[in-house]
Amino acid sequence: MNFRKSLIFFSILFPLMLAIGLLVTFAFSLQFHENFRVDWLAAVIIALVLDIFFTWREGRDAKKQKGTA
């Protein structure tokens, strides 16, 4: 998977990962704090880490399929 395809995959996947990061920080704040609060920095960091992981994994799988085809 070349750089352009990886970048497109990354940009499409980022909003979904940001939603997951927001849900994680929301659940954490409800569990450990008395009031509702979203830690935006933590949500963005979670989204970036998940997005980089899934983009890397997709690229690795694409290379593996290209090698066996």
Protein backbone atom coordinates (compact mmCIF):
# COMPACT_ATOMS: atom_id res chain seq x y z
CA MET A 1 0.00 0.00 0.00
CA ASN A 2 1.60 3.23 -1.10
CA PHE A 3 1.75 6.46 0.86
CA ARG A 4 -1.26 8.09 -0.85
CA LYS A 5 -3.54 5.13 -0.13
CA SER A 6 -2.30 5.01 3.46
CA LEU A 7 -3.00 8.72 3.90
CA ILE A 8 -6.52 8.38 2.48
CA PHE A 9 -7.20 5.37 4.71
CA PHE A 10 -5.85 7.31 7.70
CA SER A 11 -8.07 10.34 6.99
CA ILE A 12 -11.20 8.24 6.50
CA LEU A 13 -10.61 6.24 9.66
CA PHE A 14 -9.71 9.20 11.91
CA PRO A 15 -13.27 10.49 12.62
CA LEU A 16 -14.36 7.01 13.71
CA MET A 17 -11.33 6.66 15.96
CA LEU A 18 -11.98 10.12 17.40
CA ALA A 19 -15.52 9.05 18.28
CA ILE A 20 -14.11 5.99 20.04
CA GLY A 21 -11.61 8.18 21.90
CA LEU A 22 -14.41 10.51 22.98
CA LEU A 23 -16.47 7.57 24.23
CA VAL A 24 -13.51 6.23 26.21
CA THR A 25 -12.82 9.57 27.89
CA PHE A 26 -16.55 10.07 28.52
CA ALA A 27 -16.83 6.64 30.17
CA PHE A 28 -13.70 7.34 32.22
CA SER A 29 -15.06 10.68 33.43
CA LEU A 30 -18.39 9.13 34.42
CA GLN A 31 -16.65 6.34 36.29
CA PHE A 32 -14.05 8.33 38.22
CA HIS A 33 -15.34 11.92 38.37
CA GLU A 34 -18.54 13.38 39.73
CA ASN A 35 -19.25 15.53 36.71
CA PHE A 36 -19.22 14.97 32.96
CA ARG A 37 -16.09 16.11 31.23
CA VAL A 38 -14.27 15.17 28.04
CA ASP A 39 -10.52 15.34 27.95
CA TRP A 40 -9.95 16.38 24.35
CA LEU A 41 -6.20 15.86 24.42
CA ALA A 42 -6.60 12.28 25.61
CA ALA A 43 -9.34 11.65 23.03
CA VAL A 44 -7.15 12.89 20.18
CA ILE A 45 -4.15 10.88 21.40
CA ILE A 46 -6.28 7.72 21.64
CA ALA A 47 -7.64 8.40 18.14
CA LEU A 48 -4.16 8.90 16.68
CA VAL A 49 -2.76 5.76 18.29
CA LEU A 50 -5.68 3.61 17.12
CA ASP A 51 -5.62 5.16 13.65
CA ILE A 52 -1.88 4.62 13.21
CA PHE A 53 -2.22 1.03 14.41
CA PHE A 54 -5.05 0.16 12.00
CA THR A 55 -3.36 1.96 9.09
CA TRP A 56 -0.12 0.09 9.77
CA ARG A 57 -1.98 -3.22 10.00
CA GLU A 58 -3.85 -2.61 6.73
CA GLY A 59 -0.58 -1.79 4.97
CA ARG A 60 1.06 -4.89 6.36
CA ASP A 61 -1.84 -7.09 5.23
CA ALA A 62 -1.81 -5.50 1.77
CA LYS A 63 1.91 -6.23 1.41
CA LYS A 64 1.37 -9.81 2.55
CA GLN A 65 -1.44 -10.32 0.02
CA LYS A 66 0.63 -8.72 -2.75
CA GLY A 67 3.51 -11.09 -1.98
CA THR A 68 1.35 -14.22 -2.11
CA ALA A 69 -0.64 -13.21 -5.21
